Amino acid sequence: MTNDIYDDIALERLAKERFGVDFEIGKVIARGVPVSRTADATVFLTKKKQLYVYISARSRLVLGDISKLISRMGLKAELFLPPVGNPDYFNVIGREKFEAVFPGRTFVANDELRYYRTLAPYNPALVLISEVKNGEIYRYDSDTRGGWRLEVRFAYRRIRTS
């Protein structure tokens, strides 16, 4: 019990220091859920009823990996939070990767950078979730047929207000 409280406080501090998001964890839905062979995720609700996923891994992850993991967990991402102090992080990295492949191009449209944004290093990751698909959150399990099994049932859909 006390370890869980310390983990929550550490996660709140890490979110503020690394991602610039200040919140209090209200309820942890799933803690330390494996989402790959080297990555673990924590799914939690804030006091303001926003659902977040924090993913950390012992190996390198990029934005594309995080996006795929979120989808396979049965979640729908609303916002991938960039590192603090760099709100244009994914675009800057995407442009650098694009220019490395196409060094002679001067004008680059945002649509052309879509793939190259997914190559931005993103470990650890903090993602704001808009919906839990089918009310089920999954975890990685190498022993199951599809590689994923049910971790917890949790219904959530964020209603946008103006």
N, C-alpha and C. Protein backbone atom coordinates (compact mmCIF):
# COMPACT_ATOMS: atom_id res chain seq x y z
N MET A 1 0.82 -1.20 0.00
CA MET A 1 0.00 0.00 0.00
C MET A 1 0.87 1.26 0.00
N THR A 2 1.84 1.34 0.90
CA THR A 2 2.67 2.54 0.96
C THR A 2 3.56 2.65 -0.27
N ASN A 3 4.01 1.51 -0.82
CA ASN A 3 4.80 1.55 -2.05
C ASN A 3 3.99 2.14 -3.20
N ASP A 4 2.70 1.82 -3.24
CA ASP A 4 1.83 2.37 -4.28
C ASP A 4 1.71 3.88 -4.14
N ILE A 5 1.61 4.36 -2.93
CA ILE A 5 1.52 5.81 -2.71
C ILE A 5 2.81 6.50 -3.14
N TYR A 6 3.94 5.90 -2.81
CA TYR A 6 5.22 6.46 -3.24
C TYR A 6 5.36 6.43 -4.76
N ASP A 7 4.89 5.36 -5.39
CA ASP A 7 4.92 5.29 -6.85
C ASP A 7 4.06 6.39 -7.48
N ASP A 8 2.89 6.65 -6.88
CA ASP A 8 2.01 7.69 -7.40
C ASP A 8 2.66 9.07 -7.28
N ILE A 9 3.27 9.33 -6.15
CA ILE A 9 3.93 10.63 -5.94
C ILE A 9 5.10 10.78 -6.91
N ALA A 10 5.86 9.71 -7.10
CA ALA A 10 6.98 9.76 -8.04
C ALA A 10 6.48 10.00 -9.47
N LEU A 11 5.37 9.39 -9.83
CA LEU A 11 4.80 9.58 -11.16
C LEU A 11 4.30 11.01 -11.35
N GLU A 12 3.68 11.57 -10.33
CA GLU A 12 3.24 12.97 -10.40
C GLU A 12 4.42 13.92 -10.59
N ARG A 13 5.50 13.69 -9.85
CA ARG A 13 6.70 14.52 -9.99
C ARG A 13 7.33 14.38 -11.36
N LEU A 14 7.43 13.14 -11.82
CA LEU A 14 8.03 12.88 -13.13
C LEU A 14 7.22 13.56 -14.24
N ALA A 15 5.90 13.50 -14.14
CA ALA A 15 5.04 14.15 -15.15
C ALA A 15 5.25 15.65 -15.16
N LYS A 16 5.44 16.22 -13.98
CA LYS A 16 5.65 17.67 -13.91
C LYS A 16 7.03 18.06 -14.43
N GLU A 17 8.06 17.29 -14.06
CA GLU A 17 9.42 17.62 -14.47
C GLU A 17 9.68 17.34 -15.94
N ARG A 18 9.23 16.19 -16.45
CA ARG A 18 9.55 15.78 -17.82
C ARG A 18 8.56 16.29 -18.86
N PHE A 19 7.27 16.41 -18.47
CA PHE A 19 6.24 16.75 -19.45
C PHE A 19 5.53 18.06 -19.16
N GLY A 20 5.77 18.67 -18.02
CA GLY A 20 5.17 19.96 -17.70
C GLY A 20 3.69 19.88 -17.38
N VAL A 21 3.20 18.73 -16.95
CA VAL A 21 1.79 18.55 -16.63
C VAL A 21 1.67 18.39 -15.12
N ASP A 22 0.84 19.23 -14.52
CA ASP A 22 0.66 19.19 -13.07
C ASP A 22 -0.71 18.59 -12.77
N PHE A 23 -0.72 17.43 -12.15
CA PHE A 23 -1.98 16.78 -11.78
C PHE A 23 -1.78 15.95 -10.53
N GLU A 24 -2.90 15.54 -9.94
CA GLU A 24 -2.88 14.62 -8.81
C GLU A 24 -3.56 13.34 -9.26
N ILE A 25 -2.94 12.22 -8.97
CA ILE A 25 -3.52 10.93 -9.35
C ILE A 25 -4.67 10.62 -8.42
N GLY A 26 -5.84 10.39 -9.00
CA GLY A 26 -7.02 10.06 -8.22
C GLY A 26 -7.16 8.56 -8.01
N LYS A 27 -7.00 7.81 -9.12
CA LYS A 27 -7.16 6.36 -9.04
C LYS A 27 -6.28 5.71 -10.09
N VAL A 28 -5.57 4.68 -9.70
CA VAL A 28 -4.77 3.91 -10.64
C VAL A 28 -5.62 2.74 -11.12
N ILE A 29 -5.81 2.67 -12.43
CA ILE A 29 -6.62 1.61 -13.03
C ILE A 29 -5.80 0.33 -13.19
N ALA A 30 -4.58 0.48 -13.71
CA ALA A 30 -3.68 -0.67 -13.90
C ALA A 30 -2.25 -0.19 -13.65
N ARG A 31 -1.53 -0.88 -12.80
CA ARG A 31 -0.18 -0.46 -12.43
C ARG A 31 0.85 -1.49 -12.91
N GLY A 32 1.89 -1.01 -13.59
CA GLY A 32 2.98 -1.88 -14.01
C GLY A 32 2.58 -2.97 -14.98
N VAL A 33 1.67 -2.65 -15.88
CA VAL A 33 1.17 -3.62 -16.85
C VAL A 33 2.21 -3.80 -17.96
N PRO A 34 2.63 -5.04 -18.25
CA PRO A 34 3.56 -5.22 -19.37
C PRO A 34 2.86 -4.96 -20.71
N VAL A 35 3.49 -4.15 -21.56
CA VAL A 35 2.93 -3.85 -22.87
C VAL A 35 3.87 -4.30 -23.99
N SER A 36 5.03 -4.78 -23.64
CA SER A 36 5.95 -5.43 -24.57
C SER A 36 6.94 -6.21 -23.72
N ARG A 37 7.94 -6.79 -24.36
CA ARG A 37 8.91 -7.57 -23.58
C ARG A 37 9.74 -6.69 -22.65
N THR A 38 9.88 -5.40 -22.99
CA THR A 38 10.73 -4.53 -22.18
C THR A 38 10.00 -3.31 -21.61
N ALA A 39 8.73 -3.12 -21.93
CA ALA A 39 8.02 -1.90 -21.52
C ALA A 39 6.87 -2.22 -20.57
N ASP A 40 6.64 -1.30 -19.64
CA ASP A 40 5.53 -1.40 -18.69
C ASP A 40 4.72 -0.12 -18.76
N ALA A 41 3.43 -0.24 -18.47
CA ALA A 41 2.53 0.91 -18.52
C ALA A 41 1.74 1.02 -17.23
N THR A 42 1.40 2.25 -16.88
CA THR A 42 0.51 2.53 -15.76
C THR A 42 -0.62 3.39 -16.30
N VAL A 43 -1.84 2.92 -16.08
CA VAL A 43 -3.04 3.64 -16.53
C VAL A 43 -3.69 4.23 -15.29
N PHE A 44 -3.96 5.54 -15.33
CA PHE A 44 -4.51 6.18 -14.13
C PHE A 44 -5.44 7.33 -14.49
N LEU A 45 -6.34 7.62 -13.56
CA LEU A 45 -7.25 8.76 -13.64
C LEU A 45 -6.75 9.85 -12.72
N THR A 46 -6.81 11.09 -13.18
CA THR A 46 -6.46 12.21 -12.32
C THR A 46 -7.67 12.61 -11.49
N LYS A 47 -7.47 13.55 -10.60
CA LYS A 47 -8.59 14.06 -9.80
C LYS A 47 -9.61 14.78 -10.68
N LYS A 48 -9.18 15.27 -11.84
CA LYS A 48 -10.08 15.95 -12.78
C LYS A 48 -10.70 14.99 -13.78
N LYS A 49 -10.58 13.70 -13.52
CA LYS A 49 -11.17 12.63 -14.33
C LYS A 49 -10.61 12.56 -15.75
N GLN A 50 -9.32 12.82 -15.89
CA GLN A 50 -8.64 12.63 -17.17
C GLN A 50 -7.85 11.33 -17.09
N LEU A 51 -7.92 10.55 -18.15
CA LEU A 51 -7.23 9.27 -18.18
C LEU A 51 -5.90 9.42 -18.89
N TYR A 52 -4.83 8.97 -18.24
CA TYR A 52 -3.48 9.03 -18.79
C TYR A 52 -2.86 7.63 -18.77
N VAL A 53 -1.89 7.45 -19.66
CA VAL A 53 -1.06 6.24 -19.67
C VAL A 53 0.38 6.69 -19.64
N TYR A 54 1.14 6.13 -18.71
CA TYR A 54 2.57 6.39 -18.63
C TYR A 54 3.27 5.10 -19.02
N ILE A 55 4.14 5.18 -20.03
CA ILE A 55 4.87 4.00 -20.51
C ILE A 55 6.36 4.26 -20.38
N SER A 56 7.06 3.31 -19.78
CA SER A 56 8.51 3.38 -19.71
C SER A 56 9.07 2.02 -20.11
N ALA A 57 10.27 2.05 -20.69
CA ALA A 57 10.87 0.81 -21.18
C ALA A 57 12.36 0.79 -20.89
N ARG A 58 12.92 -0.39 -20.91
CA ARG A 58 14.35 -0.56 -20.75
C ARG A 58 15.07 -0.50 -22.09
N SER A 59 14.31 -0.37 -23.17
CA SER A 59 14.89 -0.26 -24.50
C SER A 59 14.42 1.04 -25.14
N ARG A 60 14.94 1.33 -26.32
CA ARG A 60 14.56 2.56 -27.01
C ARG A 60 13.16 2.42 -27.60
N LEU A 61 12.37 3.46 -27.45
CA LEU A 61 11.04 3.52 -28.06
C LEU A 61 10.93 4.82 -28.84
N VAL A 62 10.16 4.77 -29.91
CA VAL A 62 9.87 5.97 -30.69
C VAL A 62 8.36 6.21 -30.63
N LEU A 63 7.93 7.36 -31.13
CA LEU A 63 6.51 7.72 -31.09
C LEU A 63 5.65 6.68 -31.78
N GLY A 64 6.11 6.12 -32.87
CA GLY A 64 5.36 5.09 -33.57
C GLY A 64 5.14 3.85 -32.72
N ASP A 65 6.15 3.47 -31.95
CA ASP A 65 6.02 2.32 -31.04
C ASP A 65 4.97 2.59 -29.97
N ILE A 66 5.02 3.78 -29.39
CA ILE A 66 4.07 4.15 -28.34
C ILE A 66 2.65 4.15 -28.90
N SER A 67 2.48 4.71 -30.08
CA SER A 67 1.17 4.75 -30.71
C SER A 67 0.62 3.34 -30.92
N LYS A 68 1.46 2.43 -31.38
CA LYS A 68 1.03 1.05 -31.61
C LYS A 68 0.69 0.36 -30.29
N LEU A 69 1.49 0.60 -29.24
CA LEU A 69 1.22 -0.01 -27.95
C LEU A 69 -0.10 0.48 -27.36
N ILE A 70 -0.37 1.77 -27.49
CA ILE A 70 -1.62 2.35 -26.99
C ILE A 70 -2.80 1.71 -27.69
N SER A 71 -2.70 1.56 -29.00
CA SER A 71 -3.78 0.95 -29.77
C SER A 71 -4.00 -0.51 -29.38
N ARG A 72 -2.93 -1.25 -29.21
CA ARG A 72 -3.06 -2.66 -28.85
C ARG A 72 -3.57 -2.86 -27.42
N MET A 73 -3.37 -1.86 -26.58
CA MET A 73 -3.92 -1.93 -25.23
C MET A 73 -5.43 -1.74 -25.22
N GLY A 74 -5.99 -1.31 -26.36
CA GLY A 74 -7.43 -1.07 -26.45
C GLY A 74 -7.79 0.36 -26.10
N LEU A 75 -6.84 1.28 -26.24
CA LEU A 75 -7.05 2.68 -25.90
C LEU A 75 -6.98 3.53 -27.15
N LYS A 76 -7.57 4.71 -27.06
CA LYS A 76 -7.52 5.66 -28.15
C LYS A 76 -6.84 6.93 -27.63
N ALA A 77 -5.70 7.28 -28.24
CA ALA A 77 -4.90 8.42 -27.77
C ALA A 77 -5.50 9.73 -28.26
N GLU A 78 -5.52 10.71 -27.38
CA GLU A 78 -5.93 12.06 -27.76
C GLU A 78 -4.72 12.96 -27.96
N LEU A 79 -3.72 12.83 -27.07
CA LEU A 79 -2.56 13.72 -27.12
C LEU A 79 -1.33 13.00 -26.59
N PHE A 80 -0.27 13.02 -27.39
CA PHE A 80 1.03 12.52 -26.95
C PHE A 80 1.78 13.73 -26.41
N LEU A 81 2.03 13.74 -25.11
CA LEU A 81 2.63 14.91 -24.48
C LEU A 81 4.13 14.96 -24.77
N PRO A 82 4.61 16.07 -25.37
CA PRO A 82 6.04 16.20 -25.67
C PRO A 82 6.82 16.56 -24.41
N PRO A 83 8.14 16.41 -24.45
CA PRO A 83 8.96 16.80 -23.29
C PRO A 83 8.77 18.28 -22.96
N VAL A 84 8.92 18.62 -21.68
CA VAL A 84 8.70 19.98 -21.22
C VAL A 84 9.69 20.94 -21.90
N GLY A 85 9.21 22.13 -22.19
CA GLY A 85 10.05 23.15 -22.79
C GLY A 85 10.22 22.99 -24.28
N ASN A 86 9.61 22.00 -24.88
CA ASN A 86 9.76 21.77 -26.30
C ASN A 86 8.43 21.31 -26.89
N PRO A 87 7.45 22.22 -27.01
CA PRO A 87 6.14 21.80 -27.49
C PRO A 87 6.13 21.34 -28.95
N ASP A 88 7.15 21.70 -29.71
CA ASP A 88 7.23 21.33 -31.12
C ASP A 88 8.21 20.17 -31.32
N TYR A 89 8.43 19.37 -30.29
CA TYR A 89 9.44 18.32 -30.28
C TYR A 89 9.27 17.34 -31.45
N PHE A 90 8.08 16.79 -31.63
CA PHE A 90 7.87 15.78 -32.66
C PHE A 90 8.04 16.35 -34.06
N ASN A 91 7.63 17.60 -34.27
CA ASN A 91 7.80 18.23 -35.58
C ASN A 91 9.28 18.50 -35.88
N VAL A 92 10.03 18.97 -34.89
CA VAL A 92 11.45 19.26 -35.10
C VAL A 92 12.22 17.98 -35.44
N ILE A 93 11.98 16.92 -34.69
CA ILE A 93 12.66 15.64 -34.95
C ILE A 93 12.23 15.10 -36.32
N GLY A 94 10.93 15.21 -36.62
CA GLY A 94 10.43 14.74 -37.91
C GLY A 94 11.08 15.48 -39.07
N ARG A 95 11.23 16.79 -38.93
CA ARG A 95 11.88 17.57 -39.98
C ARG A 95 13.35 17.19 -40.14
N GLU A 96 14.05 16.96 -39.02
CA GLU A 96 15.46 16.53 -39.09
C GLU A 96 15.59 15.18 -39.80
N LYS A 97 14.71 14.24 -39.47
CA LYS A 97 14.76 12.92 -40.10
C LYS A 97 14.45 13.03 -41.60
N PHE A 98 13.48 13.89 -41.94
CA PHE A 98 13.10 14.09 -43.34
C PHE A 98 14.27 14.68 -44.13
N GLU A 99 14.91 15.69 -43.54
CA GLU A 99 16.03 16.34 -44.23
C GLU A 99 17.24 15.41 -44.36
N ALA A 100 17.38 14.45 -43.46
CA ALA A 100 18.47 13.49 -43.59
C ALA A 100 18.23 12.56 -44.79
N VAL A 101 16.96 12.28 -45.07
CA VAL A 101 16.64 11.40 -46.19
C VAL A 101 16.59 12.18 -47.50
N PHE A 102 16.04 13.39 -47.47
CA PHE A 102 15.91 14.24 -48.65
C PHE A 102 16.65 15.55 -48.42
N PRO A 103 17.97 15.57 -48.53
CA PRO A 103 18.74 16.76 -48.17
C PRO A 103 18.52 17.96 -49.11
N GLY A 104 18.06 17.75 -50.32
CA GLY A 104 17.91 18.85 -51.26
C GLY A 104 16.58 19.56 -51.20
N ARG A 105 15.61 19.02 -50.47
CA ARG A 105 14.27 19.61 -50.42
C ARG A 105 14.26 20.85 -49.54
N THR A 106 13.68 21.93 -50.06
CA THR A 106 13.61 23.16 -49.26
C THR A 106 12.22 23.36 -48.68
N PHE A 107 11.18 23.12 -49.46
CA PHE A 107 9.81 23.27 -48.96
C PHE A 107 9.28 21.90 -48.57
N VAL A 108 8.83 21.79 -47.32
CA VAL A 108 8.30 20.52 -46.82
C VAL A 108 6.93 20.79 -46.21
N ALA A 109 5.92 20.09 -46.72
CA ALA A 109 4.56 20.22 -46.18
C ALA A 109 4.41 19.35 -44.93
N ASN A 110 3.48 19.71 -44.07
CA ASN A 110 3.26 18.96 -42.83
C ASN A 110 2.82 17.53 -43.10
N ASP A 111 2.06 17.31 -44.19
CA ASP A 111 1.63 15.95 -44.52
C ASP A 111 2.82 15.05 -44.85
N GLU A 112 3.87 15.62 -45.41
CA GLU A 112 5.04 14.84 -45.77
C GLU A 112 5.85 14.41 -44.54
N LEU A 113 5.65 15.10 -43.43
CA LEU A 113 6.39 14.79 -42.21
C LEU A 113 5.68 13.77 -41.32
N ARG A 114 4.49 13.34 -41.69
CA ARG A 114 3.69 12.46 -40.82
C ARG A 114 4.46 11.21 -40.40
N TYR A 115 5.07 10.52 -41.35
CA TYR A 115 5.82 9.31 -41.03
C TYR A 115 7.07 9.65 -40.22
N TYR A 116 7.77 10.69 -40.57
CA TYR A 116 9.04 11.01 -39.92
C TYR A 116 8.86 11.48 -38.48
N ARG A 117 7.67 12.00 -38.14
CA ARG A 117 7.37 12.34 -36.75
C ARG A 117 7.36 11.10 -35.88
N THR A 118 6.91 9.98 -36.45
CA THR A 118 6.81 8.75 -35.67
C THR A 118 8.18 8.17 -35.32
N LEU A 119 9.25 8.71 -35.89
CA LEU A 119 10.60 8.23 -35.62
C LEU A 119 11.28 8.98 -34.46
N ALA A 120 10.55 9.91 -33.83
CA ALA A 120 11.11 10.69 -32.72
C ALA A 120 11.25 9.81 -31.48
N PRO A 121 12.42 9.81 -30.83
CA PRO A 121 12.58 9.04 -29.58
C PRO A 121 11.58 9.51 -28.53
N TYR A 122 10.93 8.55 -27.85
CA TYR A 122 9.88 8.90 -26.89
C TYR A 122 9.84 7.87 -25.77
N ASN A 123 10.79 7.95 -24.87
CA ASN A 123 10.83 7.06 -23.73
C ASN A 123 11.36 7.83 -22.54
N PRO A 124 10.65 8.01 -21.48
CA PRO A 124 9.31 7.55 -21.19
C PRO A 124 8.26 8.36 -21.95
N ALA A 125 7.04 7.85 -21.95
CA ALA A 125 5.94 8.50 -22.68
C ALA A 125 4.76 8.73 -21.75
N LEU A 126 4.09 9.86 -21.96
CA LEU A 126 2.86 10.17 -21.23
C LEU A 126 1.81 10.54 -22.27
N VAL A 127 0.69 9.81 -22.24
CA VAL A 127 -0.33 9.97 -23.27
C VAL A 127 -1.67 10.23 -22.61
N LEU A 128 -2.36 11.27 -23.11
CA LEU A 128 -3.73 11.56 -22.67
C LEU A 128 -4.66 10.70 -23.51
N ILE A 129 -5.57 9.99 -22.86
CA ILE A 129 -6.45 9.04 -23.54
C ILE A 129 -7.84 9.65 -23.69
N SER A 130 -8.45 9.44 -24.86
CA SER A 130 -9.79 9.95 -25.10
C SER A 130 -10.86 8.88 -24.91
N GLU A 131 -10.48 7.61 -25.08
CA GLU A 131 -11.49 6.56 -25.01
C GLU A 131 -10.84 5.20 -24.75
N VAL A 132 -11.55 4.37 -24.00
CA VAL A 132 -11.18 2.97 -23.84
C VAL A 132 -12.11 2.18 -24.76
N LYS A 133 -11.54 1.57 -25.80
CA LYS A 133 -12.35 0.84 -26.77
C LYS A 133 -12.95 -0.40 -26.12
N ASN A 134 -14.22 -0.60 -26.32
CA ASN A 134 -14.97 -1.77 -25.82
C ASN A 134 -14.90 -1.93 -24.31
N GLY A 135 -14.43 -0.92 -23.59
CA GLY A 135 -14.39 -0.98 -22.13
C GLY A 135 -13.40 -1.99 -21.59
N GLU A 136 -12.35 -2.32 -22.35
CA GLU A 136 -11.37 -3.31 -21.91
C GLU A 136 -9.96 -2.81 -22.16
N ILE A 137 -9.09 -2.97 -21.16
CA ILE A 137 -7.68 -2.62 -21.28
C ILE A 137 -6.89 -3.92 -21.30
N TYR A 138 -6.01 -4.05 -22.28
CA TYR A 138 -5.26 -5.29 -22.48
C TYR A 138 -3.80 -5.14 -22.05
N ARG A 139 -3.16 -6.27 -21.81
CA ARG A 139 -1.75 -6.35 -21.45
C ARG A 139 -1.06 -7.33 -22.38
N TYR A 140 0.24 -7.16 -22.54
CA TYR A 140 1.02 -8.06 -23.38
C TYR A 140 1.22 -9.39 -22.65
N ASP A 141 1.05 -10.48 -23.39
CA ASP A 141 1.29 -11.80 -22.84
C ASP A 141 1.77 -12.69 -23.97
N SER A 142 3.02 -13.09 -23.92
CA SER A 142 3.60 -13.87 -25.02
C SER A 142 3.02 -15.27 -25.12
N ASP A 143 2.35 -15.75 -24.08
CA ASP A 143 1.80 -17.10 -24.09
C ASP A 143 0.43 -17.20 -24.75
N THR A 144 -0.25 -16.09 -24.95
CA THR A 144 -1.58 -16.14 -25.56
C THR A 144 -1.48 -16.13 -27.07
N ARG A 145 -2.56 -16.46 -27.71
CA ARG A 145 -2.58 -16.62 -29.16
C ARG A 145 -2.28 -15.31 -29.89
N GLY A 146 -2.93 -14.24 -29.55
CA GLY A 146 -2.70 -12.96 -30.22
C GLY A 146 -1.61 -12.12 -29.58
N GLY A 147 -1.10 -12.56 -28.44
CA GLY A 147 -0.05 -11.83 -27.74
C GLY A 147 -0.59 -10.84 -26.73
N TRP A 148 -1.92 -10.71 -26.62
CA TRP A 148 -2.53 -9.76 -25.69
C TRP A 148 -3.69 -10.43 -24.97
N ARG A 149 -3.82 -10.12 -23.69
CA ARG A 149 -4.96 -10.64 -22.93
C ARG A 149 -5.54 -9.54 -22.06
N LEU A 150 -6.76 -9.75 -21.62
CA LEU A 150 -7.49 -8.76 -20.84
C LEU A 150 -6.84 -8.53 -19.49
N GLU A 151 -6.59 -7.25 -19.17
CA GLU A 151 -6.05 -6.88 -17.86
C GLU A 151 -7.17 -6.43 -16.93
N VAL A 152 -8.00 -5.50 -17.41
CA VAL A 152 -9.06 -4.95 -16.57
C VAL A 152 -10.18 -4.40 -17.45
N ARG A 153 -11.38 -4.45 -16.94
CA ARG A 153 -12.51 -3.83 -17.63
C ARG A 153 -12.70 -2.43 -17.03
N PHE A 154 -12.74 -1.45 -17.90
CA PHE A 154 -12.88 -0.07 -17.44
C PHE A 154 -13.49 0.76 -18.56
N ALA A 155 -14.66 1.33 -18.30
CA ALA A 155 -15.34 2.14 -19.31
C ALA A 155 -14.96 3.60 -19.14
N TYR A 156 -14.54 4.22 -20.25
CA TYR A 156 -14.14 5.63 -20.21
C TYR A 156 -14.27 6.22 -21.61
N ARG A 157 -14.87 7.38 -21.69
CA ARG A 157 -14.91 8.16 -22.92
C ARG A 157 -14.92 9.62 -22.52
N ARG A 158 -13.96 10.33 -23.04
CA ARG A 158 -13.85 11.75 -22.71
C ARG A 158 -14.82 12.54 -23.56
N ILE A 159 -15.64 13.34 -22.92
CA ILE A 159 -16.60 14.19 -23.61
C ILE A 159 -16.00 15.57 -23.73
N ARG A 160 -15.83 16.00 -24.95
CA ARG A 160 -15.23 17.32 -25.20
C ARG A 160 -16.26 18.41 -24.92
N THR A 161 -15.80 19.43 -24.22
CA THR A 161 -16.62 20.60 -23.96
C THR A 161 -15.92 21.81 -24.54
N SER A 162 -16.67 22.84 -24.78
CA SER A 162 -16.06 24.04 -25.39
C SER A 162 -15.38 24.92 -24.40
